[in-house]
């Protein structure tokens, strides 16, 4: 399945067009490499998504063309959620 479609079906990103734009902007990586929207997603892949100043990393558990909203969270497992904003240690 294409990466942009997987992100939409799993509801990690709300719309496929938004997922496509995120891939074009380089905010999505698949197995540690920046991925295009057309990249193939398989079970066991690791996806990292940059949402503003935080990164979410998930592992693909299943790949399905259509999924009900209640079952969408069963398609992936959260590995980590990092806040990209760090304290700069500036003195006042």
C-alpha atoms as a PDB file:
ATOM      1  CA  UNK A   1       0.000   0.000   0.000  1.00  0.00           C
ATOM      2  CA  UNK A   2       1.191   3.527  -0.722  1.00  0.00           C
ATOM      3  CA  UNK A   3       2.493   5.509   2.253  1.00  0.00           C
ATOM      4  CA  UNK A   4       0.049   8.409   1.822  1.00  0.00           C
ATOM      5  CA  UNK A   5      -2.915   6.017   1.694  1.00  0.00           C
ATOM      6  CA  UNK A   6      -1.699   4.096   4.752  1.00  0.00           C
ATOM      7  CA  UNK A   7      -1.400   7.323   6.755  1.00  0.00           C
ATOM      8  CA  UNK A   8      -4.993   8.218   5.846  1.00  0.00           C
ATOM      9  CA  UNK A   9      -6.509   4.740   6.359  1.00  0.00           C
ATOM     10  CA  UNK A  10      -4.766   4.357   9.743  1.00  0.00           C
ATOM     11  CA  UNK A  11      -5.917   7.881  10.631  1.00  0.00           C
ATOM     12  CA  UNK A  12      -2.424   9.010  11.598  1.00  0.00           C
ATOM     13  CA  UNK A  13      -3.104  11.910   9.199  1.00  0.00           C
ATOM     14  CA  UNK A  14      -6.664  13.038   8.518  1.00  0.00           C
ATOM     15  CA  UNK A  15      -6.612  13.468   4.725  1.00  0.00           C
ATOM     16  CA  UNK A  16      -4.605  11.793   1.967  1.00  0.00           C
ATOM     17  CA  UNK A  17      -3.793  15.156   0.369  1.00  0.00           C
ATOM     18  CA  UNK A  18      -2.288  16.348   3.670  1.00  0.00           C
ATOM     19  CA  UNK A  19      -0.281  13.113   3.916  1.00  0.00           C
ATOM     20  CA  UNK A  20       0.944  13.673   0.366  1.00  0.00           C
ATOM     21  CA  UNK A  21       2.045  17.232   1.182  1.00  0.00           C
ATOM     22  CA  UNK A  22       3.833  16.056   4.346  1.00  0.00           C
ATOM     23  CA  UNK A  23       5.770  13.499   2.276  1.00  0.00           C
ATOM     24  CA  UNK A  24       6.687  16.145  -0.327  1.00  0.00           C
ATOM     25  CA  UNK A  25       7.927  18.431   2.466  1.00  0.00           C
ATOM     26  CA  UNK A  26      10.185  15.666   3.840  1.00  0.00           C
ATOM     27  CA  UNK A  27       8.380  15.365   7.190  1.00  0.00           C
ATOM     28  CA  UNK A  28       7.699  11.621   6.827  1.00  0.00           C
ATOM     29  CA  UNK A  29      10.387   8.975   7.020  1.00  0.00           C
ATOM     30  CA  UNK A  30      10.036   5.250   6.426  1.00  0.00           C
ATOM     31  CA  UNK A  31      12.598   2.991   8.113  1.00  0.00           C
ATOM     32  CA  UNK A  32      14.900   5.942   8.796  1.00  0.00           C
ATOM     33  CA  UNK A  33      14.853   7.398   5.260  1.00  0.00           C
ATOM     34  CA  UNK A  34      12.815  10.345   3.992  1.00  0.00           C
ATOM     35  CA  UNK A  35       9.983   8.776   1.994  1.00  0.00           C
ATOM     36  CA  UNK A  36       7.890   9.765  -0.988  1.00  0.00           C
ATOM     37  CA  UNK A  37       4.109   9.400  -0.908  1.00  0.00           C
ATOM     38  CA  UNK A  38       4.355   6.484  -3.356  1.00  0.00           C
ATOM     39  CA  UNK A  39       6.657   4.405  -1.105  1.00  0.00           C
ATOM     40  CA  UNK A  40       5.314   0.927  -0.321  1.00  0.00           C
ATOM     41  CA  UNK A  41       4.388   0.249   3.316  1.00  0.00           C
ATOM     42  CA  UNK A  42       4.707  -3.301   4.663  1.00  0.00           C
ATOM     43  CA  UNK A  43       4.081  -4.933   8.017  1.00  0.00           C
ATOM     44  CA  UNK A  44       7.012  -4.250  10.373  1.00  0.00           C
ATOM     45  CA  UNK A  45       7.996  -0.903   8.793  1.00  0.00           C
ATOM     46  CA  UNK A  46       8.749   2.044  11.088  1.00  0.00           C
ATOM     47  CA  UNK A  47       7.209   5.412  10.180  1.00  0.00           C
ATOM     48  CA  UNK A  48       8.305   8.713  11.724  1.00  0.00           C
ATOM     49  CA  UNK A  49       6.020  11.722  11.240  1.00  0.00           C
ATOM     50  CA  UNK A  50       7.011  15.305  11.990  1.00  0.00           C
ATOM     51  CA  UNK A  51       4.058  17.274  13.384  1.00  0.00           C
ATOM     52  CA  UNK A  52       5.340  20.812  13.859  1.00  0.00           C
ATOM     53  CA  UNK A  53       7.789  20.597  16.767  1.00  0.00           C
ATOM     54  CA  UNK A  54       7.157  16.955  17.720  1.00  0.00           C
ATOM     55  CA  UNK A  55       7.966  13.632  16.088  1.00  0.00           C
ATOM     56  CA  UNK A  56       5.788  10.539  16.355  1.00  0.00           C
ATOM     57  CA  UNK A  57       7.270   7.125  15.573  1.00  0.00           C
ATOM     58  CA  UNK A  58       5.015   4.134  14.927  1.00  0.00           C
ATOM     59  CA  UNK A  59       5.476   0.541  13.808  1.00  0.00           C
ATOM     60  CA  UNK A  60       3.160  -0.853  11.123  1.00  0.00           C
ATOM     61  CA  UNK A  61       1.285  -3.882  12.491  1.00  0.00           C
ATOM     62  CA  UNK A  62      -1.192  -4.487   9.657  1.00  0.00           C
ATOM     63  CA  UNK A  63      -1.899  -3.110   6.205  1.00  0.00           C
ATOM     64  CA  UNK A  64      -5.545  -3.000   5.082  1.00  0.00           C
ATOM     65  CA  UNK A  65      -7.310  -1.124   2.281  1.00  0.00           C
ATOM     66  CA  UNK A  66     -10.309  -0.148   4.403  1.00  0.00           C
ATOM     67  CA  UNK A  67     -10.713  -0.081   8.169  1.00  0.00           C
ATOM     68  CA  UNK A  68     -13.455   1.115  10.490  1.00  0.00           C
ATOM     69  CA  UNK A  69     -12.611   4.071  12.681  1.00  0.00           C
ATOM     70  CA  UNK A  70     -12.593   1.967  15.859  1.00  0.00           C
ATOM     71  CA  UNK A  71     -10.103  -0.507  14.358  1.00  0.00           C
ATOM     72  CA  UNK A  72      -7.705   2.061  12.858  1.00  0.00           C
ATOM     73  CA  UNK A  73      -5.521   2.224  15.994  1.00  0.00           C
ATOM     74  CA  UNK A  74      -4.883  -1.511  15.707  1.00  0.00           C
ATOM     75  CA  UNK A  75      -2.981  -0.922  12.440  1.00  0.00           C
ATOM     76  CA  UNK A  76       0.043   0.560  14.225  1.00  0.00           C
ATOM     77  CA  UNK A  77       1.864   0.662  17.554  1.00  0.00           C
ATOM     78  CA  UNK A  78       3.381   3.818  19.059  1.00  0.00           C
ATOM     79  CA  UNK A  79       7.124   3.477  19.555  1.00  0.00           C
ATOM     80  CA  UNK A  80       7.881   7.009  20.711  1.00  0.00           C
ATOM     81  CA  UNK A  81       6.659  10.575  20.741  1.00  0.00           C
ATOM     82  CA  UNK A  82       9.365  13.195  21.026  1.00  0.00           C
ATOM     83  CA  UNK A  83       8.909  16.881  21.561  1.00  0.00           C
ATOM     84  CA  UNK A  84      11.371  18.629  19.241  1.00  0.00           C
ATOM     85  CA  UNK A  85      11.342  21.874  21.221  1.00  0.00           C
ATOM     86  CA  UNK A  86      14.270  21.860  23.629  1.00  0.00           C
ATOM     87  CA  UNK A  87      15.201  24.410  26.226  1.00  0.00           C
ATOM     88  CA  UNK A  88      17.932  26.693  24.935  1.00  0.00           C
ATOM     89  CA  UNK A  89      19.314  27.544  28.361  1.00  0.00           C
ATOM     90  CA  UNK A  90      19.280  31.287  27.720  1.00  0.00           C
ATOM     91  CA  UNK A  91      19.974  33.556  30.674  1.00  0.00           C
ATOM     92  CA  UNK A  92      17.674  36.448  31.458  1.00  0.00           C
END
